[in-house]
């Protein structure tokens, strides 16, 4: 008797600081029904520090372009969008809150909707109270949960795991050791799930081992 084919699985690494993670989260319903996916909050700043990069919001010209692009993208695709009053903001509270709630799709969706759908200022006392209510907790309970050492350790472990797997930005899917970074890679990831051999053939195989022609001296 032939062995049943194992269901595909993937991890989705994200940080609430990224509007692109918000956009891609809203696309998760396009993934195959049999895909076993785990949502994993990570600290984007930790990825940037490890790889020696700057985030889009840390480069002046790119910062303005990014915000304009996100507004255009949301309007173009009919996605509720309102940027928070300040960005970048400290995402540790929302990230730890998601971890404390086992990064359930319901909790993650509520947090994304507050920050990027309605522009809630989660760095403020009133914003934190509203965010707590949206995930069904009192502000005291939410504050207590995000302060638990096990929650802090899980977020750190997620970030270290992402780095070890080659994740360099958010949002990123990782499946079979392959990294699919950014909302623009959503279609590519869907194609890969339909045909996992796509990276092993033709030009995909050749460019995967393309040598470095010249490196900058920094």
C-alpha atoms as a PDB file:
ATOM      1  CA  UNK A   1       0.000   0.000   0.000  1.00  0.00           C
ATOM      2  CA  UNK A   2       1.390   3.404  -0.992  1.00  0.00           C
ATOM      3  CA  UNK A   3       2.162   5.754   1.865  1.00  0.00           C
ATOM      4  CA  UNK A   4      -0.076   8.810   2.002  1.00  0.00           C
ATOM      5  CA  UNK A   5       1.683  12.000   1.000  1.00  0.00           C
ATOM      6  CA  UNK A   6       2.448  14.196   4.002  1.00  0.00           C
ATOM      7  CA  UNK A   7       0.591  17.487   4.120  1.00  0.00           C
ATOM      8  CA  UNK A   8       2.838  20.469   3.320  1.00  0.00           C
ATOM      9  CA  UNK A   9       3.810  22.713   6.216  1.00  0.00           C
ATOM     10  CA  UNK A  10       5.211  26.193   6.606  1.00  0.00           C
ATOM     11  CA  UNK A  11       6.086  28.781   9.215  1.00  0.00           C
ATOM     12  CA  UNK A  12       5.135  32.420   8.758  1.00  0.00           C
ATOM     13  CA  UNK A  13       7.491  34.892  10.436  1.00  0.00           C
ATOM     14  CA  UNK A  14       6.150  38.399  10.985  1.00  0.00           C
ATOM     15  CA  UNK A  15       6.404  41.580  13.027  1.00  0.00           C
ATOM     16  CA  UNK A  16       3.517  43.969  13.587  1.00  0.00           C
ATOM     17  CA  UNK A  17       5.844  46.849  12.739  1.00  0.00           C
ATOM     18  CA  UNK A  18       5.581  45.857   9.067  1.00  0.00           C
ATOM     19  CA  UNK A  19       2.593  47.032   7.006  1.00  0.00           C
ATOM     20  CA  UNK A  20       3.590  44.432   4.423  1.00  0.00           C
ATOM     21  CA  UNK A  21       3.094  41.715   7.045  1.00  0.00           C
ATOM     22  CA  UNK A  22      -0.399  43.130   7.584  1.00  0.00           C
ATOM     23  CA  UNK A  23      -1.113  42.923   3.876  1.00  0.00           C
ATOM     24  CA  UNK A  24       0.171  39.360   3.611  1.00  0.00           C
ATOM     25  CA  UNK A  25      -1.716  38.252   6.703  1.00  0.00           C
ATOM     26  CA  UNK A  26      -4.901  39.188   4.896  1.00  0.00           C
ATOM     27  CA  UNK A  27      -3.856  36.823   2.069  1.00  0.00           C
ATOM     28  CA  UNK A  28      -3.404  33.739   4.232  1.00  0.00           C
ATOM     29  CA  UNK A  29      -6.822  32.483   3.232  1.00  0.00           C
ATOM     30  CA  UNK A  30      -5.398  31.961  -0.260  1.00  0.00           C
ATOM     31  CA  UNK A  31      -3.077  29.234   1.001  1.00  0.00           C
ATOM     32  CA  UNK A  32      -3.993  25.598   0.280  1.00  0.00           C
ATOM     33  CA  UNK A  33      -6.472  24.165   2.757  1.00  0.00           C
ATOM     34  CA  UNK A  34      -4.141  21.258   3.574  1.00  0.00           C
ATOM     35  CA  UNK A  35      -1.174  23.498   4.416  1.00  0.00           C
ATOM     36  CA  UNK A  36      -0.125  23.157   8.050  1.00  0.00           C
ATOM     37  CA  UNK A  37       1.017  26.685   8.897  1.00  0.00           C
ATOM     38  CA  UNK A  38       2.308  28.156  12.143  1.00  0.00           C
ATOM     39  CA  UNK A  39       2.336  31.904  12.780  1.00  0.00           C
ATOM     40  CA  UNK A  40       5.559  33.019  14.481  1.00  0.00           C
ATOM     41  CA  UNK A  41       6.047  36.579  15.797  1.00  0.00           C
ATOM     42  CA  UNK A  42       9.652  37.790  15.571  1.00  0.00           C
ATOM     43  CA  UNK A  43      11.471  41.017  16.328  1.00  0.00           C
ATOM     44  CA  UNK A  44      12.314  42.562  12.948  1.00  0.00           C
ATOM     45  CA  UNK A  45      15.007  44.707  14.552  1.00  0.00           C
ATOM     46  CA  UNK A  46      16.754  41.515  15.656  1.00  0.00           C
ATOM     47  CA  UNK A  47      16.873  40.284  12.067  1.00  0.00           C
ATOM     48  CA  UNK A  48      18.224  43.631  10.858  1.00  0.00           C
ATOM     49  CA  UNK A  49      20.915  43.682  13.537  1.00  0.00           C
ATOM     50  CA  UNK A  50      22.029  40.161  12.675  1.00  0.00           C
ATOM     51  CA  UNK A  51      22.293  40.732   8.936  1.00  0.00           C
ATOM     52  CA  UNK A  52      23.650  44.277   9.196  1.00  0.00           C
ATOM     53  CA  UNK A  53      20.722  45.923   7.407  1.00  0.00           C
ATOM     54  CA  UNK A  54      18.533  48.967   7.843  1.00  0.00           C
ATOM     55  CA  UNK A  55      14.768  48.828   7.743  1.00  0.00           C
ATOM     56  CA  UNK A  56      12.834  50.774   5.087  1.00  0.00           C
ATOM     57  CA  UNK A  57      11.751  53.358   7.667  1.00  0.00           C
ATOM     58  CA  UNK A  58      15.384  54.042   8.600  1.00  0.00           C
ATOM     59  CA  UNK A  59      16.299  55.334   5.120  1.00  0.00           C
ATOM     60  CA  UNK A  60      14.764  58.825   4.649  1.00  0.00           C
ATOM     61  CA  UNK A  61      13.786  58.647   0.981  1.00  0.00           C
ATOM     62  CA  UNK A  62      12.718  55.029   1.202  1.00  0.00           C
ATOM     63  CA  UNK A  63      10.644  55.803   4.290  1.00  0.00           C
ATOM     64  CA  UNK A  64       8.378  58.257   2.468  1.00  0.00           C
ATOM     65  CA  UNK A  65       8.177  56.008  -0.586  1.00  0.00           C
ATOM     66  CA  UNK A  66       7.222  53.024   1.579  1.00  0.00           C
ATOM     67  CA  UNK A  67       4.365  54.837   3.310  1.00  0.00           C
ATOM     68  CA  UNK A  68       3.031  56.156   0.013  1.00  0.00           C
ATOM     69  CA  UNK A  69       3.310  52.742  -1.584  1.00  0.00           C
ATOM     70  CA  UNK A  70       1.446  51.114   1.293  1.00  0.00           C
ATOM     71  CA  UNK A  71      -1.368  53.660   1.063  1.00  0.00           C
ATOM     72  CA  UNK A  72      -1.567  53.122  -2.701  1.00  0.00           C
ATOM     73  CA  UNK A  73      -1.445  49.345  -2.317  1.00  0.00           C
ATOM     74  CA  UNK A  74      -4.231  49.334   0.264  1.00  0.00           C
ATOM     75  CA  UNK A  75      -6.453  51.570  -1.845  1.00  0.00           C
ATOM     76  CA  UNK A  76      -5.710  49.543  -4.971  1.00  0.00           C
ATOM     77  CA  UNK A  77      -6.637  46.274  -3.273  1.00  0.00           C
ATOM     78  CA  UNK A  78      -9.495  47.524  -1.111  1.00  0.00           C
ATOM     79  CA  UNK A  79      -7.729  46.853   2.190  1.00  0.00           C
ATOM     80  CA  UNK A  80      -8.646  48.928   5.272  1.00  0.00           C
ATOM     81  CA  UNK A  81      -5.521  50.926   6.060  1.00  0.00           C
ATOM     82  CA  UNK A  82      -4.552  53.733   8.365  1.00  0.00           C
ATOM     83  CA  UNK A  83      -0.938  54.127   9.429  1.00  0.00           C
ATOM     84  CA  UNK A  84      -0.339  54.579  13.166  1.00  0.00           C
ATOM     85  CA  UNK A  85       0.502  58.123  14.348  1.00  0.00           C
ATOM     86  CA  UNK A  86       4.225  57.351  14.554  1.00  0.00           C
ATOM     87  CA  UNK A  87       6.392  54.785  12.812  1.00  0.00           C
ATOM     88  CA  UNK A  88       8.604  52.964  13.557  1.00  0.00           C
ATOM     89  CA  UNK A  89       7.095  52.270  16.962  1.00  0.00           C
ATOM     90  CA  UNK A  90       8.154  49.818  19.657  1.00  0.00           C
ATOM     91  CA  UNK A  91       6.473  46.516  18.668  1.00  0.00           C
ATOM     92  CA  UNK A  92       7.523  44.500  21.713  1.00  0.00           C
ATOM     93  CA  UNK A  93       4.191  44.837  23.526  1.00  0.00           C
ATOM     94  CA  UNK A  94       2.033  43.670  20.597  1.00  0.00           C
ATOM     95  CA  UNK A  95       4.523  40.916  19.702  1.00  0.00           C
ATOM     96  CA  UNK A  96       4.612  39.553  23.235  1.00  0.00           C
ATOM     97  CA  UNK A  97       0.842  39.810  23.442  1.00  0.00           C
ATOM     98  CA  UNK A  98       0.561  37.663  20.320  1.00  0.00           C
ATOM     99  CA  UNK A  99       3.023  35.151  21.759  1.00  0.00           C
ATOM    100  CA  UNK A 100       1.082  35.034  25.037  1.00  0.00           C
ATOM    101  CA  UNK A 101      -2.032  34.163  23.032  1.00  0.00           C
ATOM    102  CA  UNK A 102      -0.183  31.422  21.119  1.00  0.00           C
ATOM    103  CA  UNK A 103      -0.164  33.557  17.967  1.00  0.00           C
ATOM    104  CA  UNK A 104      -3.660  32.381  17.104  1.00  0.00           C
ATOM    105  CA  UNK A 105      -4.982  33.766  13.808  1.00  0.00           C
ATOM    106  CA  UNK A 106      -7.746  35.508  15.732  1.00  0.00           C
ATOM    107  CA  UNK A 107      -5.345  37.325  18.077  1.00  0.00           C
ATOM    108  CA  UNK A 108      -2.848  38.167  15.342  1.00  0.00           C
ATOM    109  CA  UNK A 109      -5.630  39.447  13.104  1.00  0.00           C
ATOM    110  CA  UNK A 110      -7.064  41.631  15.864  1.00  0.00           C
ATOM    111  CA  UNK A 111      -3.665  43.187  16.563  1.00  0.00           C
ATOM    112  CA  UNK A 112      -2.922  43.830  12.893  1.00  0.00           C
ATOM    113  CA  UNK A 113      -6.366  45.357  12.376  1.00  0.00           C
ATOM    114  CA  UNK A 114      -5.861  47.716  15.305  1.00  0.00           C
ATOM    115  CA  UNK A 115      -2.402  48.901  14.255  1.00  0.00           C
ATOM    116  CA  UNK A 116      -2.694  49.048  10.471  1.00  0.00           C
ATOM    117  CA  UNK A 117      -6.414  48.904   9.840  1.00  0.00           C
ATOM    118  CA  UNK A 118      -7.434  51.583  12.331  1.00  0.00           C
ATOM    119  CA  UNK A 119      -4.140  53.312  13.156  1.00  0.00           C
ATOM    120  CA  UNK A 120      -4.307  52.681  16.907  1.00  0.00           C
ATOM    121  CA  UNK A 121      -1.353  54.173  18.766  1.00  0.00           C
ATOM    122  CA  UNK A 122      -0.263  51.075  20.659  1.00  0.00           C
ATOM    123  CA  UNK A 123       2.601  53.014  22.233  1.00  0.00           C
ATOM    124  CA  UNK A 124       0.105  55.105  24.208  1.00  0.00           C
ATOM    125  CA  UNK A 125      -1.703  54.088  27.372  1.00  0.00           C
ATOM    126  CA  UNK A 126      -5.105  54.434  25.714  1.00  0.00           C
ATOM    127  CA  UNK A 127      -3.935  52.493  22.666  1.00  0.00           C
ATOM    128  CA  UNK A 128      -2.604  49.640  24.780  1.00  0.00           C
ATOM    129  CA  UNK A 129      -5.901  49.485  26.650  1.00  0.00           C
ATOM    130  CA  UNK A 130      -7.800  49.297  23.360  1.00  0.00           C
ATOM    131  CA  UNK A 131      -5.457  46.640  21.983  1.00  0.00           C
ATOM    132  CA  UNK A 132      -5.935  44.567  25.133  1.00  0.00           C
ATOM    133  CA  UNK A 133      -9.703  44.787  24.790  1.00  0.00           C
ATOM    134  CA  UNK A 134      -9.569  43.724  21.143  1.00  0.00           C
ATOM    135  CA  UNK A 135      -7.909  40.446  22.102  1.00  0.00           C
ATOM    136  CA  UNK A 136     -10.344  39.897  24.960  1.00  0.00           C
ATOM    137  CA  UNK A 137      -8.139  40.858  27.905  1.00  0.00           C
ATOM    138  CA  UNK A 138      -8.238  43.573  30.518  1.00  0.00           C
ATOM    139  CA  UNK A 139      -5.325  45.968  30.335  1.00  0.00           C
ATOM    140  CA  UNK A 140      -3.996  44.568  33.622  1.00  0.00           C
ATOM    141  CA  UNK A 141      -4.173  40.994  32.355  1.00  0.00           C
ATOM    142  CA  UNK A 142      -2.495  41.911  29.058  1.00  0.00           C
ATOM    143  CA  UNK A 143       0.282  43.802  30.825  1.00  0.00           C
ATOM    144  CA  UNK A 144       0.848  40.879  33.173  1.00  0.00           C
ATOM    145  CA  UNK A 145       0.973  38.361  30.323  1.00  0.00           C
ATOM    146  CA  UNK A 146       3.486  40.292  28.214  1.00  0.00           C
ATOM    147  CA  UNK A 147       5.737  40.626  31.251  1.00  0.00           C
ATOM    148  CA  UNK A 148       6.048  36.865  31.768  1.00  0.00           C
ATOM    149  CA  UNK A 149       9.576  35.584  31.214  1.00  0.00           C
ATOM    150  CA  UNK A 150       8.342  32.569  29.258  1.00  0.00           C
ATOM    151  CA  UNK A 151       6.645  34.913  26.778  1.00  0.00           C
ATOM    152  CA  UNK A 152       9.795  37.004  26.374  1.00  0.00           C
ATOM    153  CA  UNK A 153      11.853  33.842  25.897  1.00  0.00           C
ATOM    154  CA  UNK A 154       9.510  32.478  23.233  1.00  0.00           C
ATOM    155  CA  UNK A 155       9.706  35.685  21.214  1.00  0.00           C
ATOM    156  CA  UNK A 156      13.490  35.631  21.448  1.00  0.00           C
ATOM    157  CA  UNK A 157      13.564  31.966  20.451  1.00  0.00           C
ATOM    158  CA  UNK A 158      11.324  32.648  17.442  1.00  0.00           C
ATOM    159  CA  UNK A 159      13.678  35.403  16.304  1.00  0.00           C
ATOM    160  CA  UNK A 160      16.776  33.237  16.758  1.00  0.00           C
ATOM    161  CA  UNK A 161      15.076  30.387  14.928  1.00  0.00           C
ATOM    162  CA  UNK A 162      14.192  32.662  12.016  1.00  0.00           C
ATOM    163  CA  UNK A 163      17.801  33.852  11.738  1.00  0.00           C
ATOM    164  CA  UNK A 164      19.085  30.275  11.843  1.00  0.00           C
ATOM    165  CA  UNK A 165      16.748  29.420   8.962  1.00  0.00           C
ATOM    166  CA  UNK A 166      18.011  32.300   6.836  1.00  0.00           C
ATOM    167  CA  UNK A 167      15.108  34.695   7.339  1.00  0.00           C
ATOM    168  CA  UNK A 168      16.320  38.255   6.722  1.00  0.00           C
ATOM    169  CA  UNK A 169      13.081  40.224   6.623  1.00  0.00           C
ATOM    170  CA  UNK A 170       9.376  40.181   7.357  1.00  0.00           C
ATOM    171  CA  UNK A 171       6.990  38.856   6.377  1.00  0.00           C
ATOM    172  CA  UNK A 172       8.533  35.526   5.364  1.00  0.00           C
ATOM    173  CA  UNK A 173       7.207  32.067   4.732  1.00  0.00           C
ATOM    174  CA  UNK A 174       9.626  29.196   5.307  1.00  0.00           C
ATOM    175  CA  UNK A 175       8.790  25.797   3.850  1.00  0.00           C
ATOM    176  CA  UNK A 176      11.146  22.884   3.182  1.00  0.00           C
ATOM    177  CA  UNK A 177      14.042  25.164   4.092  1.00  0.00           C
ATOM    178  CA  UNK A 178      13.117  27.701   1.418  1.00  0.00           C
ATOM    179  CA  UNK A 179      12.486  31.348   2.369  1.00  0.00           C
ATOM    180  CA  UNK A 180       9.824  33.427   0.629  1.00  0.00           C
ATOM    181  CA  UNK A 181      10.218  37.043   1.707  1.00  0.00           C
ATOM    182  CA  UNK A 182       7.753  39.855   1.287  1.00  0.00           C
ATOM    183  CA  UNK A 183       4.201  40.340   0.200  1.00  0.00           C
ATOM    184  CA  UNK A 184       5.404  40.290  -3.410  1.00  0.00           C
ATOM    185  CA  UNK A 185       6.523  36.678  -2.943  1.00  0.00           C
ATOM    186  CA  UNK A 186       3.025  35.437  -2.112  1.00  0.00           C
ATOM    187  CA  UNK A 187       2.341  34.233  -5.658  1.00  0.00           C
ATOM    188  CA  UNK A 188       5.786  32.628  -5.825  1.00  0.00           C
ATOM    189  CA  UNK A 189       5.094  30.731  -2.612  1.00  0.00           C
ATOM    190  CA  UNK A 190       1.748  29.507  -3.937  1.00  0.00           C
ATOM    191  CA  UNK A 191       3.468  28.287  -7.112  1.00  0.00           C
ATOM    192  CA  UNK A 192       6.133  26.533  -5.035  1.00  0.00           C
ATOM    193  CA  UNK A 193       3.495  24.732  -2.976  1.00  0.00           C
ATOM    194  CA  UNK A 194       1.915  23.535  -6.212  1.00  0.00           C
ATOM    195  CA  UNK A 195       5.297  22.425  -7.603  1.00  0.00           C
ATOM    196  CA  UNK A 196       8.077  22.072  -4.983  1.00  0.00           C
ATOM    197  CA  UNK A 197      10.509  20.951  -7.696  1.00  0.00           C
ATOM    198  CA  UNK A 198      10.417  24.359  -9.375  1.00  0.00           C
ATOM    199  CA  UNK A 199      13.728  25.463  -7.796  1.00  0.00           C
ATOM    200  CA  UNK A 200      15.560  22.355  -9.029  1.00  0.00           C
ATOM    201  CA  UNK A 201      15.114  22.860 -12.752  1.00  0.00           C
ATOM    202  CA  UNK A 202      16.352  25.121 -15.541  1.00  0.00           C
ATOM    203  CA  UNK A 203      17.199  28.721 -14.770  1.00  0.00           C
ATOM    204  CA  UNK A 204      15.901  28.410 -11.209  1.00  0.00           C
ATOM    205  CA  UNK A 205      18.611  25.831 -10.545  1.00  0.00           C
ATOM    206  CA  UNK A 206      21.327  27.845 -12.319  1.00  0.00           C
ATOM    207  CA  UNK A 207      20.729  31.140 -10.554  1.00  0.00           C
ATOM    208  CA  UNK A 208      20.600  29.417  -7.179  1.00  0.00           C
ATOM    209  CA  UNK A 209      24.375  28.899  -7.427  1.00  0.00           C
ATOM    210  CA  UNK A 210      25.258  32.083  -9.298  1.00  0.00           C
ATOM    211  CA  UNK A 211      28.777  33.193  -8.294  1.00  0.00           C
ATOM    212  CA  UNK A 212      29.534  36.656  -6.900  1.00  0.00           C
ATOM    213  CA  UNK A 213      31.151  38.803  -9.582  1.00  0.00           C
ATOM    214  CA  UNK A 214      32.263  41.725  -7.413  1.00  0.00           C
ATOM    215  CA  UNK A 215      31.685  42.633  -3.789  1.00  0.00           C
ATOM    216  CA  UNK A 216      31.600  46.143  -2.318  1.00  0.00           C
ATOM    217  CA  UNK A 217      34.227  47.103   0.190  1.00  0.00           C
ATOM    218  CA  UNK A 218      32.404  48.569   3.200  1.00  0.00           C
END
